[in-house]
Amino acid sequence: MDDSVQAVSTMTPSESSQPPTGPLWDFPEPAHADEDPASIIVRVAEGHFFRTSDLFSRYFQLPAYRLADVGNHPGILDQLDVLAGCGSEFLRSLGWQRQAGKKVVFRGQALPSDWIGEGRRVAPGVLAADGDQPYIRLAWRFPAIPFDLNTNEMLIDRCPLCFNFLTWTRIRSVCHCQNCQFDLREARPVYARGEYVQPALKLAAHLGLLPGEKIALPPPFATEDSVVALKVLEWCAWFAGRCEVVPVAQSATNAHRGVAVAESWPATLELAADLVLRQVLKKEHAMSTLQGAFRSLPNMEMRKGVSTQLAEIMQRLNVQRVQDYLVVNRWKYFQRGWL
């Protein structure tokens, strides 16, 4: 009897019925601990000549638009593990959980829900440097992080050719526009201004995207509520730029600019008082103008605390002499140790 036939005939039923081990598809496990989970699905589809929308609707049996927030669905990540063999625990470490009250939990920390975006942002130069296996970084999901954390290259959210917003719908490749199929790797890289790099890196560490300590807010902003703390950074970014008018809205996209403002508080409030005093000679008007800006602070305690600080500043300023309104002369108050 032929050896191969003999080998088959000696197999037991239990041995022949064992399920195959490993992933359903022969796709290498991504070696990217910083990859967006939606990027993994796109690369799996592209590597097996599928449209991403077809793969997502047929295998995951969900509408393609859900790909944008795939990290919020642990069940989908578990299915992705079965398909591509990435490791369920690894995939879940890349995810997040949206909760009621406009919150989202990422790596054990609650964030405002809009701090994890559903759009696509890319760094063209980074994708080009990836070679044959470009992928989208998880940190690019966060609107508060304006650049790639390794290269400081600014992220883009619009196609440079057709100017459409980059999305996860109708996507065929992580590095192409879903609308006109322009290869985003051909766009010219632009890099962050130096003064914004360190604050943004601090913020990334605060969010758990980089190793490092969390940002410690000074009184009256100190809080254990991580959602409120991040809203303070949004407010501080606005306050430093337009503190003489009541704010219309804050945004996570400017939060990194609020880091230095918060860390130097209440020195920033002192300078803001100067800004108002140079325009208005009556301290009552000056105080009410700044107090209007405090209404958008996340909670009442912070509003009262900042108002108290402002009142102390106004009491110590000599508003009788015009030269005392100037910022260059205002620093003498810091030397008295009252801040």
C-alpha atoms as a PDB file:
ATOM      1  CA  MET A   1       0.000   0.000   0.000  1.00  0.00           C
ATOM      2  CA  ASP A   2       1.152   3.483  -0.820  1.00  0.00           C
ATOM      3  CA  ASP A   3       2.697   5.275   2.202  1.00  0.00           C
ATOM      4  CA  SER A   4       0.457   8.343   1.797  1.00  0.00           C
ATOM      5  CA  VAL A   5      -2.681   6.219   1.707  1.00  0.00           C
ATOM      6  CA  GLN A   6      -1.505   4.297   4.757  1.00  0.00           C
ATOM      7  CA  ALA A   7      -0.958   7.608   6.598  1.00  0.00           C
ATOM      8  CA  VAL A   8      -4.505   8.730   5.899  1.00  0.00           C
ATOM      9  CA  SER A   9      -6.088   5.414   6.803  1.00  0.00           C
ATOM     10  CA  THR A  10      -4.460   5.349  10.235  1.00  0.00           C
ATOM     11  CA  MET A  11      -5.889   8.753  11.325  1.00  0.00           C
ATOM     12  CA  THR A  12      -8.509   8.560  14.073  1.00  0.00           C
ATOM     13  CA  PRO A  13     -11.869  10.373  13.703  1.00  0.00           C
ATOM     14  CA  SER A  14     -11.016  12.713  16.563  1.00  0.00           C
ATOM     15  CA  GLU A  15      -7.757  13.712  14.902  1.00  0.00           C
ATOM     16  CA  SER A  16      -9.355  14.369  11.516  1.00  0.00           C
ATOM     17  CA  SER A  17     -12.164  16.510  12.988  1.00  0.00           C
ATOM     18  CA  GLN A  18      -9.957  18.945  14.919  1.00  0.00           C
ATOM     19  CA  PRO A  19     -10.549  22.583  13.854  1.00  0.00           C
ATOM     20  CA  PRO A  20      -7.673  24.396  12.165  1.00  0.00           C
ATOM     21  CA  THR A  21      -5.511  26.533  14.417  1.00  0.00           C
ATOM     22  CA  GLY A  22      -4.426  30.098  13.713  1.00  0.00           C
ATOM     23  CA  PRO A  23      -6.285  32.870  11.883  1.00  0.00           C
ATOM     24  CA  LEU A  24      -8.797  32.216   9.115  1.00  0.00           C
ATOM     25  CA  TRP A  25      -6.648  34.191   6.707  1.00  0.00           C
ATOM     26  CA  ASP A  26      -2.906  33.996   6.300  1.00  0.00           C
ATOM     27  CA  PHE A  27      -2.222  37.579   7.328  1.00  0.00           C
ATOM     28  CA  PRO A  28       0.765  38.449   9.517  1.00  0.00           C
ATOM     29  CA  GLU A  29       0.056  39.859  12.959  1.00  0.00           C
ATOM     30  CA  PRO A  30       0.704  43.613  12.883  1.00  0.00           C
ATOM     31  CA  ALA A  31       3.828  44.574  14.766  1.00  0.00           C
ATOM     32  CA  HIS A  32       2.401  48.015  15.421  1.00  0.00           C
ATOM     33  CA  ALA A  33       1.450  48.591  19.030  1.00  0.00           C
ATOM     34  CA  ASP A  34       0.315  52.095  18.054  1.00  0.00           C
ATOM     35  CA  GLU A  35      -1.999  51.198  15.152  1.00  0.00           C
ATOM     36  CA  ASP A  36      -5.593  52.335  14.820  1.00  0.00           C
ATOM     37  CA  PRO A  37      -7.816  49.210  14.846  1.00  0.00           C
ATOM     38  CA  ALA A  38      -9.716  50.498  11.803  1.00  0.00           C
ATOM     39  CA  SER A  39      -6.390  50.682   9.981  1.00  0.00           C
ATOM     40  CA  ILE A  40      -5.823  46.980  10.675  1.00  0.00           C
ATOM     41  CA  ILE A  41      -9.159  46.081   9.075  1.00  0.00           C
ATOM     42  CA  VAL A  42      -8.385  48.222   6.018  1.00  0.00           C
ATOM     43  CA  ARG A  43      -4.991  46.553   5.603  1.00  0.00           C
ATOM     44  CA  VAL A  44      -6.512  43.074   5.974  1.00  0.00           C
ATOM     45  CA  ALA A  45      -9.041  43.868   3.258  1.00  0.00           C
ATOM     46  CA  GLU A  46      -6.478  45.433   0.951  1.00  0.00           C
ATOM     47  CA  GLY A  47      -4.060  42.535   1.444  1.00  0.00           C
ATOM     48  CA  HIS A  48      -6.731  40.074   0.285  1.00  0.00           C
ATOM     49  CA  PHE A  49      -8.102  42.175  -2.594  1.00  0.00           C
ATOM     50  CA  PHE A  50     -11.365  43.084  -0.882  1.00  0.00           C
ATOM     51  CA  ARG A  51     -13.098  46.410  -0.723  1.00  0.00           C
ATOM     52  CA  THR A  52     -13.073  47.381   2.932  1.00  0.00           C
ATOM     53  CA  SER A  53     -16.811  48.114   2.872  1.00  0.00           C
ATOM     54  CA  ASP A  54     -17.530  44.634   1.456  1.00  0.00           C
ATOM     55  CA  LEU A  55     -15.342  42.894   4.015  1.00  0.00           C
ATOM     56  CA  PHE A  56     -16.872  44.846   6.871  1.00  0.00           C
ATOM     57  CA  SER A  57     -20.470  44.222   5.809  1.00  0.00           C
ATOM     58  CA  ARG A  58     -20.010  40.551   4.822  1.00  0.00           C
ATOM     59  CA  TYR A  59     -17.673  39.258   7.518  1.00  0.00           C
ATOM     60  CA  PHE A  60     -18.666  41.518  10.408  1.00  0.00           C
ATOM     61  CA  GLN A  61     -22.262  41.839   9.131  1.00  0.00           C
ATOM     62  CA  LEU A  62     -22.417  45.523   9.981  1.00  0.00           C
ATOM     63  CA  PRO A  63     -22.892  48.664   7.865  1.00  0.00           C
ATOM     64  CA  ALA A  64     -19.631  50.064   6.554  1.00  0.00           C
ATOM     65  CA  TYR A  65     -20.008  53.370   8.419  1.00  0.00           C
ATOM     66  CA  ARG A  66     -19.386  51.520  11.698  1.00  0.00           C
ATOM     67  CA  LEU A  67     -15.749  51.110  10.660  1.00  0.00           C
ATOM     68  CA  ALA A  68     -15.145  54.726  11.761  1.00  0.00           C
ATOM     69  CA  ASP A  69     -15.717  53.800  15.407  1.00  0.00           C
ATOM     70  CA  VAL A  70     -14.614  50.165  15.353  1.00  0.00           C
ATOM     71  CA  GLY A  71     -12.437  50.623  18.442  1.00  0.00           C
ATOM     72  CA  ASN A  72     -15.616  51.152  20.447  1.00  0.00           C
ATOM     73  CA  HIS A  73     -16.835  47.598  19.746  1.00  0.00           C
ATOM     74  CA  PRO A  74     -14.958  44.842  21.613  1.00  0.00           C
ATOM     75  CA  GLY A  75     -16.998  42.175  19.812  1.00  0.00           C
ATOM     76  CA  ILE A  76     -15.769  43.373  16.424  1.00  0.00           C
ATOM     77  CA  LEU A  77     -12.196  43.390  17.700  1.00  0.00           C
ATOM     78  CA  ASP A  78     -12.625  39.784  18.846  1.00  0.00           C
ATOM     79  CA  GLN A  79     -13.915  38.868  15.380  1.00  0.00           C
ATOM     80  CA  LEU A  80     -10.911  40.613  13.859  1.00  0.00           C
ATOM     81  CA  ASP A  81      -8.679  38.420  16.020  1.00  0.00           C
ATOM     82  CA  VAL A  82     -10.346  35.293  14.596  1.00  0.00           C
ATOM     83  CA  LEU A  83      -9.932  36.630  11.079  1.00  0.00           C
ATOM     84  CA  ALA A  84      -6.388  37.970  11.174  1.00  0.00           C
ATOM     85  CA  GLY A  85      -4.862  36.496  14.338  1.00  0.00           C
ATOM     86  CA  CYS A  86      -3.763  39.768  15.905  1.00  0.00           C
ATOM     87  CA  GLY A  87      -4.504  38.754  19.484  1.00  0.00           C
ATOM     88  CA  SER A  88      -7.731  39.706  21.231  1.00  0.00           C
ATOM     89  CA  GLU A  89      -6.022  41.324  24.224  1.00  0.00           C
ATOM     90  CA  PHE A  90      -3.736  43.337  21.945  1.00  0.00           C
ATOM     91  CA  LEU A  91      -6.665  44.571  19.847  1.00  0.00           C
ATOM     92  CA  ARG A  92      -8.720  45.554  22.873  1.00  0.00           C
ATOM     93  CA  SER A  93      -5.778  47.612  24.155  1.00  0.00           C
ATOM     94  CA  LEU A  94      -6.223  49.770  21.047  1.00  0.00           C
ATOM     95  CA  GLY A  95      -9.930  50.353  21.698  1.00  0.00           C
ATOM     96  CA  TRP A  96     -12.143  52.659  23.704  1.00  0.00           C
ATOM     97  CA  GLN A  97     -15.643  52.599  25.208  1.00  0.00           C
ATOM     98  CA  ARG A  98     -18.170  55.366  24.650  1.00  0.00           C
ATOM     99  CA  GLN A  99     -20.459  56.014  27.591  1.00  0.00           C
ATOM    100  CA  ALA A 100     -23.527  58.076  28.437  1.00  0.00           C
ATOM    101  CA  GLY A 101     -22.963  61.699  29.360  1.00  0.00           C
ATOM    102  CA  LYS A 102     -20.681  62.497  26.417  1.00  0.00           C
ATOM    103  CA  LYS A 103     -17.779  60.514  27.843  1.00  0.00           C
ATOM    104  CA  VAL A 104     -15.431  57.982  26.358  1.00  0.00           C
ATOM    105  CA  VAL A 105     -13.051  55.753  28.336  1.00  0.00           C
ATOM    106  CA  PHE A 106      -9.613  55.186  26.858  1.00  0.00           C
ATOM    107  CA  ARG A 107      -7.084  53.028  28.713  1.00  0.00           C
ATOM    108  CA  GLY A 108      -8.931  53.469  31.986  1.00  0.00           C
ATOM    109  CA  GLN A 109      -9.335  57.242  31.780  1.00  0.00           C
ATOM    110  CA  ALA A 110     -12.553  59.111  31.020  1.00  0.00           C
ATOM    111  CA  LEU A 111     -12.306  61.729  28.264  1.00  0.00           C
ATOM    112  CA  PRO A 112     -14.840  64.058  26.629  1.00  0.00           C
ATOM    113  CA  SER A 113     -16.481  62.075  23.817  1.00  0.00           C
ATOM    114  CA  ASP A 114     -15.174  64.353  21.052  1.00  0.00           C
ATOM    115  CA  TRP A 115     -11.576  63.757  22.119  1.00  0.00           C
ATOM    116  CA  ILE A 116     -11.591  60.550  20.065  1.00  0.00           C
ATOM    117  CA  GLY A 117     -12.588  61.475  16.541  1.00  0.00           C
ATOM    118  CA  GLU A 118     -14.355  59.441  13.897  1.00  0.00           C
ATOM    119  CA  GLY A 119     -12.595  61.064  10.945  1.00  0.00           C
ATOM    120  CA  ARG A 120      -9.284  60.095   9.373  1.00  0.00           C
ATOM    121  CA  ARG A 121      -6.129  62.163   9.806  1.00  0.00           C
ATOM    122  CA  VAL A 122      -2.767  61.285   8.318  1.00  0.00           C
ATOM    123  CA  ALA A 123       0.839  62.432   8.215  1.00  0.00           C
ATOM    124  CA  PRO A 124       1.820  62.096   4.528  1.00  0.00           C
ATOM    125  CA  GLY A 125       5.558  61.936   5.161  1.00  0.00           C
ATOM    126  CA  VAL A 126       5.148  59.237   7.817  1.00  0.00           C
ATOM    127  CA  LEU A 127       3.002  57.099   5.495  1.00  0.00           C
ATOM    128  CA  ALA A 128       5.625  57.484   2.756  1.00  0.00           C
ATOM    129  CA  ALA A 129       8.379  56.444   5.175  1.00  0.00           C
ATOM    130  CA  ASP A 130       6.416  53.283   6.072  1.00  0.00           C
ATOM    131  CA  GLY A 131       7.324  51.794   2.701  1.00  0.00           C
ATOM    132  CA  ASP A 132       5.171  48.884   1.513  1.00  0.00           C
ATOM    133  CA  GLN A 133       3.159  48.611   4.757  1.00  0.00           C
ATOM    134  CA  PRO A 134       1.777  52.076   5.593  1.00  0.00           C
ATOM    135  CA  TYR A 135      -0.581  52.225   8.550  1.00  0.00           C
ATOM    136  CA  ILE A 136      -2.551  54.820  10.507  1.00  0.00           C
ATOM    137  CA  ARG A 137      -1.422  55.515  14.062  1.00  0.00           C
ATOM    138  CA  LEU A 138      -3.867  55.383  16.951  1.00  0.00           C
ATOM    139  CA  ALA A 139      -2.728  58.812  18.210  1.00  0.00           C
ATOM    140  CA  TRP A 140      -3.908  60.355  14.933  1.00  0.00           C
ATOM    141  CA  ARG A 141      -7.465  59.664  16.164  1.00  0.00           C
ATOM    142  CA  PHE A 142      -7.174  62.363  18.827  1.00  0.00           C
ATOM    143  CA  PRO A 143      -8.062  65.876  17.579  1.00  0.00           C
ATOM    144  CA  ALA A 144      -6.113  67.377  20.502  1.00  0.00           C
ATOM    145  CA  ILE A 145      -2.863  65.947  19.098  1.00  0.00           C
ATOM    146  CA  PRO A 146      -2.032  68.093  16.035  1.00  0.00           C
ATOM    147  CA  PHE A 147       1.014  66.202  14.766  1.00  0.00           C
ATOM    148  CA  ASP A 148       2.646  62.784  14.604  1.00  0.00           C
ATOM    149  CA  LEU A 149       4.214  62.058  17.977  1.00  0.00           C
ATOM    150  CA  ASN A 150       7.469  60.672  16.561  1.00  0.00           C
ATOM    151  CA  THR A 151       8.240  63.127  13.758  1.00  0.00           C
ATOM    152  CA  ASN A 152       6.254  66.279  14.709  1.00  0.00           C
ATOM    153  CA  GLU A 153       4.751  66.242  11.199  1.00  0.00           C
ATOM    154  CA  MET A 154       1.395  68.031  11.121  1.00  0.00           C
ATOM    155  CA  LEU A 155      -1.635  65.855  10.439  1.00  0.00           C
ATOM    156  CA  ILE A 156      -4.039  66.623   7.607  1.00  0.00           C
ATOM    157  CA  ASP A 157      -7.762  65.814   7.601  1.00  0.00           C
ATOM    158  CA  ARG A 158      -8.534  66.940   4.040  1.00  0.00           C
ATOM    159  CA  CYS A 159      -7.335  65.637   0.703  1.00  0.00           C
ATOM    160  CA  PRO A 160      -4.850  68.147  -0.805  1.00  0.00           C
ATOM    161  CA  LEU A 161      -6.245  67.431  -4.280  1.00  0.00           C
ATOM    162  CA  CYS A 162     -10.062  67.423  -3.962  1.00  0.00           C
ATOM    163  CA  PHE A 163     -10.245  69.110  -0.488  1.00  0.00           C
ATOM    164  CA  ASN A 164     -12.785  66.614   0.817  1.00  0.00           C
ATOM    165  CA  PHE A 165     -12.527  65.528   4.437  1.00  0.00           C
ATOM    166  CA  LEU A 166     -10.749  62.196   4.805  1.00  0.00           C
ATOM    167  CA  THR A 167     -13.122  59.534   6.118  1.00  0.00           C
ATOM    168  CA  TRP A 168     -13.251  55.799   6.803  1.00  0.00           C
ATOM    169  CA  THR A 169     -16.221  55.283   4.459  1.00  0.00           C
ATOM    170  CA  ARG A 170     -15.579  54.037   0.905  1.00  0.00           C
ATOM    171  CA  ILE A 171     -11.914  53.660   1.855  1.00  0.00           C
ATOM    172  CA  ARG A 172      -9.723  51.294  -0.199  1.00  0.00           C
ATOM    173  CA  SER A 173      -6.333  52.064   1.299  1.00  0.00           C
ATOM    174  CA  VAL A 174      -5.057  53.828   4.420  1.00  0.00           C
ATOM    175  CA  CYS A 175      -2.959  56.171   2.295  1.00  0.00           C
ATOM    176  CA  HIS A 176      -5.468  57.176  -0.405  1.00  0.00           C
ATOM    177  CA  CYS A 177      -8.314  59.692  -0.473  1.00  0.00           C
ATOM    178  CA  GLN A 178     -11.631  57.837  -0.425  1.00  0.00           C
ATOM    179  CA  ASN A 179     -13.072  60.359  -2.881  1.00  0.00           C
ATOM    180  CA  CYS A 180     -10.515  60.958  -5.651  1.00  0.00           C
ATOM    181  CA  GLN A 181      -8.010  58.181  -4.775  1.00  0.00           C
ATOM    182  CA  PHE A 182      -5.161  60.691  -4.553  1.00  0.00           C
ATOM    183  CA  ASP A 183      -2.103  59.101  -2.937  1.00  0.00           C
ATOM    184  CA  LEU A 184      -1.713  61.128   0.247  1.00  0.00           C
ATOM    185  CA  ARG A 185       1.956  60.150   0.461  1.00  0.00           C
ATOM    186  CA  GLU A 186       2.620  62.614  -2.340  1.00  0.00           C
ATOM    187  CA  ALA A 187       1.568  65.595  -0.216  1.00  0.00           C
ATOM    188  CA  ARG A 188       4.338  67.817   1.118  1.00  0.00           C
ATOM    189  CA  PRO A 189       4.977  67.307   4.852  1.00  0.00           C
ATOM    190  CA  VAL A 190       4.594  70.314   7.158  1.00  0.00           C
ATOM    191  CA  TYR A 191       6.007  70.294  10.673  1.00  0.00           C
ATOM    192  CA  ALA A 192       4.765  71.733  13.963  1.00  0.00           C
ATOM    193  CA  ARG A 193       6.026  75.023  15.338  1.00  0.00           C
ATOM    194  CA  GLY A 194       8.544  74.488  18.108  1.00  0.00           C
ATOM    195  CA  GLU A 195       6.574  76.172  20.883  1.00  0.00           C
ATOM    196  CA  TYR A 196       3.668  73.744  20.449  1.00  0.00           C
ATOM    197  CA  VAL A 197       5.676  70.515  20.517  1.00  0.00           C
ATOM    198  CA  GLN A 198       6.328  70.052  24.238  1.00  0.00           C
ATOM    199  CA  PRO A 199       2.787  71.005  25.383  1.00  0.00           C
ATOM    200  CA  ALA A 200       1.287  68.545  22.888  1.00  0.00           C
ATOM    201  CA  LEU A 201       3.677  65.788  23.985  1.00  0.00           C
ATOM    202  CA  LYS A 202       2.678  66.444  27.610  1.00  0.00           C
ATOM    203  CA  LEU A 203      -0.956  66.164  26.608  1.00  0.00           C
ATOM    204  CA  ALA A 204      -0.284  62.901  24.752  1.00  0.00           C
ATOM    205  CA  ALA A 205       1.332  61.479  27.890  1.00  0.00           C
ATOM    206  CA  HIS A 206      -1.653  62.644  29.928  1.00  0.00           C
ATOM    207  CA  LEU A 207      -3.954  60.694  27.580  1.00  0.00           C
ATOM    208  CA  GLY A 208      -1.878  57.513  27.812  1.00  0.00           C
ATOM    209  CA  LEU A 209      -0.464  57.719  24.282  1.00  0.00           C
ATOM    210  CA  LEU A 210       3.104  58.234  25.506  1.00  0.00           C
ATOM    211  CA  PRO A 211       4.935  57.338  28.709  1.00  0.00           C
ATOM    212  CA  GLY A 212       5.067  60.204  31.171  1.00  0.00           C
ATOM    213  CA  GLU A 213       3.294  61.923  34.041  1.00  0.00           C
ATOM    214  CA  LYS A 214      -0.171  63.404  33.881  1.00  0.00           C
ATOM    215  CA  ILE A 215      -0.594  67.171  33.754  1.00  0.00           C
ATOM    216  CA  ALA A 216      -1.110  68.629  37.250  1.00  0.00           C
ATOM    217  CA  LEU A 217      -3.488  71.568  37.156  1.00  0.00           C
ATOM    218  CA  PRO A 218      -2.968  74.349  39.747  1.00  0.00           C
ATOM    219  CA  PRO A 219      -5.761  75.724  41.956  1.00  0.00           C
ATOM    220  CA  PRO A 220      -8.551  76.421  41.344  1.00  0.00           C
ATOM    221  CA  PHE A 221      -8.450  73.971  38.425  1.00  0.00           C
ATOM    222  CA  ALA A 222      -7.126  70.962  40.336  1.00  0.00           C
ATOM    223  CA  THR A 223      -9.645  68.130  39.970  1.00  0.00           C
ATOM    224  CA  GLU A 224      -9.854  64.340  40.026  1.00  0.00           C
ATOM    225  CA  ASP A 225     -12.378  64.419  37.182  1.00  0.00           C
ATOM    226  CA  SER A 226     -10.358  63.763  34.015  1.00  0.00           C
ATOM    227  CA  VAL A 227     -13.155  64.985  31.727  1.00  0.00           C
ATOM    228  CA  VAL A 228     -13.320  68.318  33.560  1.00  0.00           C
ATOM    229  CA  ALA A 229      -9.518  68.629  33.526  1.00  0.00           C
ATOM    230  CA  LEU A 230      -9.438  68.328  29.738  1.00  0.00           C
ATOM    231  CA  LYS A 231     -12.268  70.829  29.387  1.00  0.00           C
ATOM    232  CA  VAL A 232     -10.138  73.224  31.470  1.00  0.00           C
ATOM    233  CA  LEU A 233      -7.344  72.918  28.901  1.00  0.00           C
ATOM    234  CA  GLU A 234      -9.807  73.757  26.128  1.00  0.00           C
ATOM    235  CA  TRP A 235     -10.943  76.793  28.094  1.00  0.00           C
ATOM    236  CA  CYS A 236      -7.384  77.921  28.871  1.00  0.00           C
ATOM    237  CA  ALA A 237      -6.500  77.798  25.174  1.00  0.00           C
ATOM    238  CA  TRP A 238      -9.427  80.092  24.413  1.00  0.00           C
ATOM    239  CA  PHE A 239      -8.789  82.349  27.419  1.00  0.00           C
ATOM    240  CA  ALA A 240      -5.188  83.088  26.469  1.00  0.00           C
ATOM    241  CA  GLY A 241      -6.215  84.127  22.974  1.00  0.00           C
ATOM    242  CA  ARG A 242      -9.452  86.081  23.414  1.00  0.00           C
ATOM    243  CA  CYS A 243      -9.983  86.654  27.110  1.00  0.00           C
ATOM    244  CA  GLU A 244     -11.575  90.081  26.619  1.00  0.00           C
ATOM    245  CA  VAL A 245     -14.836  88.663  25.184  1.00  0.00           C
ATOM    246  CA  VAL A 246     -17.280  85.967  26.195  1.00  0.00           C
ATOM    247  CA  PRO A 247     -16.328  82.697  24.450  1.00  0.00           C
ATOM    248  CA  VAL A 248     -18.484  81.185  21.739  1.00  0.00           C
ATOM    249  CA  ALA A 249     -17.044  77.676  21.865  1.00  0.00           C
ATOM    250  CA  GLN A 250     -13.960  75.723  22.824  1.00  0.00           C
ATOM    251  CA  SER A 251     -12.454  72.814  20.960  1.00  0.00           C
ATOM    252  CA  ALA A 252     -10.181  69.869  21.670  1.00  0.00           C
ATOM    253  CA  THR A 253      -8.099  70.874  18.652  1.00  0.00           C
ATOM    254  CA  ASN A 254      -6.643  73.827  20.593  1.00  0.00           C
ATOM    255  CA  ALA A 255      -6.253  72.089  23.950  1.00  0.00           C
ATOM    256  CA  HIS A 256      -2.477  71.657  23.610  1.00  0.00           C
ATOM    257  CA  ARG A 257      -2.210  75.449  23.544  1.00  0.00           C
ATOM    258  CA  GLY A 258      -3.967  75.546  26.900  1.00  0.00           C
ATOM    259  CA  VAL A 259      -1.362  73.399  28.678  1.00  0.00           C
ATOM    260  CA  ALA A 260       1.155  76.196  29.218  1.00  0.00           C
ATOM    261  CA  VAL A 261      -1.644  78.601  30.185  1.00  0.00           C
ATOM    262  CA  ALA A 262      -2.956  76.227  32.857  1.00  0.00           C
ATOM    263  CA  GLU A 263       0.507  75.431  34.191  1.00  0.00           C
ATOM    264  CA  SER A 264       1.382  79.128  34.569  1.00  0.00           C
ATOM    265  CA  TRP A 265      -1.913  80.060  36.244  1.00  0.00           C
ATOM    266  CA  PRO A 266      -2.609  82.549  37.830  1.00  0.00           C
ATOM    267  CA  ALA A 267       0.162  84.453  36.049  1.00  0.00           C
ATOM    268  CA  THR A 268      -1.998  84.273  32.909  1.00  0.00           C
ATOM    269  CA  LEU A 269      -4.870  85.860  34.789  1.00  0.00           C
ATOM    270  CA  GLU A 270      -2.589  88.706  35.843  1.00  0.00           C
ATOM    271  CA  LEU A 271      -1.661  89.379  32.227  1.00  0.00           C
ATOM    272  CA  ALA A 272      -5.312  89.126  31.190  1.00  0.00           C
ATOM    273  CA  ALA A 273      -6.199  91.785  33.768  1.00  0.00           C
ATOM    274  CA  ASP A 274      -3.556  94.001  32.157  1.00  0.00           C
ATOM    275  CA  LEU A 275      -5.126  93.473  28.773  1.00  0.00           C
ATOM    276  CA  VAL A 276      -8.486  94.699  30.050  1.00  0.00           C
ATOM    277  CA  LEU A 277      -7.085  97.535  32.188  1.00  0.00           C
ATOM    278  CA  ARG A 278      -5.323  99.030  29.201  1.00  0.00           C
ATOM    279  CA  GLN A 279      -8.703  99.344  27.488  1.00  0.00           C
ATOM    280  CA  VAL A 280     -10.942 100.227  30.439  1.00  0.00           C
ATOM    281  CA  LEU A 281     -10.047 102.540  33.316  1.00  0.00           C
ATOM    282  CA  LYS A 282     -12.845 101.456  35.661  1.00  0.00           C
ATOM    283  CA  LYS A 283     -11.940  98.336  37.578  1.00  0.00           C
ATOM    284  CA  GLU A 284     -15.594  97.365  37.994  1.00  0.00           C
ATOM    285  CA  HIS A 285     -15.981  97.163  34.244  1.00  0.00           C
ATOM    286  CA  ALA A 286     -12.661  95.330  33.935  1.00  0.00           C
ATOM    287  CA  MET A 287     -13.696  92.731  36.472  1.00  0.00           C
ATOM    288  CA  SER A 288     -17.117  92.159  34.918  1.00  0.00           C
ATOM    289  CA  THR A 289     -15.541  91.743  31.496  1.00  0.00           C
ATOM    290  CA  LEU A 290     -13.230  89.003  32.727  1.00  0.00           C
ATOM    291  CA  GLN A 291     -15.895  87.404  34.877  1.00  0.00           C
ATOM    292  CA  GLY A 292     -17.983  86.957  31.747  1.00  0.00           C
ATOM    293  CA  ALA A 293     -15.233  84.739  30.395  1.00  0.00           C
ATOM    294  CA  PHE A 294     -15.399  82.519  33.489  1.00  0.00           C
ATOM    295  CA  ARG A 295     -18.981  81.422  32.798  1.00  0.00           C
ATOM    296  CA  SER A 296     -17.827  78.706  30.424  1.00  0.00           C
ATOM    297  CA  LEU A 297     -15.533  77.033  32.960  1.00  0.00           C
ATOM    298  CA  PRO A 298     -16.581  73.404  33.575  1.00  0.00           C
ATOM    299  CA  ASN A 299     -17.984  73.865  37.084  1.00  0.00           C
ATOM    300  CA  MET A 300     -19.094  76.472  39.612  1.00  0.00           C
ATOM    301  CA  GLU A 301     -16.222  75.904  42.050  1.00  0.00           C
ATOM    302  CA  MET A 302     -13.696  76.830  39.397  1.00  0.00           C
ATOM    303  CA  ARG A 303     -15.666  79.941  38.432  1.00  0.00           C
ATOM    304  CA  LYS A 304     -15.747  81.112  42.042  1.00  0.00           C
ATOM    305  CA  GLY A 305     -12.056  80.310  42.523  1.00  0.00           C
ATOM    306  CA  VAL A 306     -10.943  82.282  39.483  1.00  0.00           C
ATOM    307  CA  SER A 307     -13.221  85.203  40.406  1.00  0.00           C
ATOM    308  CA  THR A 308     -11.644  85.268  43.869  1.00  0.00           C
ATOM    309  CA  GLN A 309      -8.175  85.321  42.322  1.00  0.00           C
ATOM    310  CA  LEU A 310      -9.195  88.150  40.007  1.00  0.00           C
ATOM    311  CA  ALA A 311     -10.622  90.150  42.920  1.00  0.00           C
ATOM    312  CA  GLU A 312      -7.334  89.804  44.805  1.00  0.00           C
ATOM    313  CA  ILE A 313      -5.395  90.948  41.756  1.00  0.00           C
ATOM    314  CA  MET A 314      -7.634  93.978  41.241  1.00  0.00           C
ATOM    315  CA  GLN A 315      -7.295  95.038  44.883  1.00  0.00           C
ATOM    316  CA  ARG A 316      -3.503  95.037  44.642  1.00  0.00           C
ATOM    317  CA  LEU A 317      -3.228  96.957  41.381  1.00  0.00           C
ATOM    318  CA  ASN A 318      -2.614 100.686  41.446  1.00  0.00           C
ATOM    319  CA  VAL A 319      -5.155 101.826  38.880  1.00  0.00           C
ATOM    320  CA  GLN A 320      -4.508 105.524  39.457  1.00  0.00           C
ATOM    321  CA  ARG A 321      -1.440 105.709  37.245  1.00  0.00           C
ATOM    322  CA  VAL A 322      -1.559 104.818  33.562  1.00  0.00           C
ATOM    323  CA  GLN A 323       1.993 103.470  33.586  1.00  0.00           C
ATOM    324  CA  ASP A 324       0.919 100.778  36.046  1.00  0.00           C
ATOM    325  CA  TYR A 325      -1.414  99.341  33.404  1.00  0.00           C
ATOM    326  CA  LEU A 326       1.496  98.245  31.233  1.00  0.00           C
ATOM    327  CA  VAL A 327       2.545  94.605  31.242  1.00  0.00           C
ATOM    328  CA  VAL A 328       6.214  95.512  31.546  1.00  0.00           C
ATOM    329  CA  ASN A 329       5.485  97.115  34.949  1.00  0.00           C
ATOM    330  CA  ARG A 330       3.019  94.529  36.095  1.00  0.00           C
ATOM    331  CA  TRP A 331       5.679  91.914  36.945  1.00  0.00           C
ATOM    332  CA  LYS A 332       6.643  93.814  40.111  1.00  0.00           C
ATOM    333  CA  TYR A 333       3.579  92.289  41.758  1.00  0.00           C
ATOM    334  CA  PHE A 334       4.989  88.788  41.350  1.00  0.00           C
ATOM    335  CA  GLN A 335       7.998  89.794  43.431  1.00  0.00           C
ATOM    336  CA  ARG A 336       5.776  90.606  46.405  1.00  0.00           C
ATOM    337  CA  GLY A 337       4.872  86.961  46.781  1.00  0.00           C
ATOM    338  CA  TRP A 338       1.118  87.409  46.672  1.00  0.00           C
ATOM    339  CA  LEU A 339       0.505  85.091  43.730  1.00  0.00           C
END
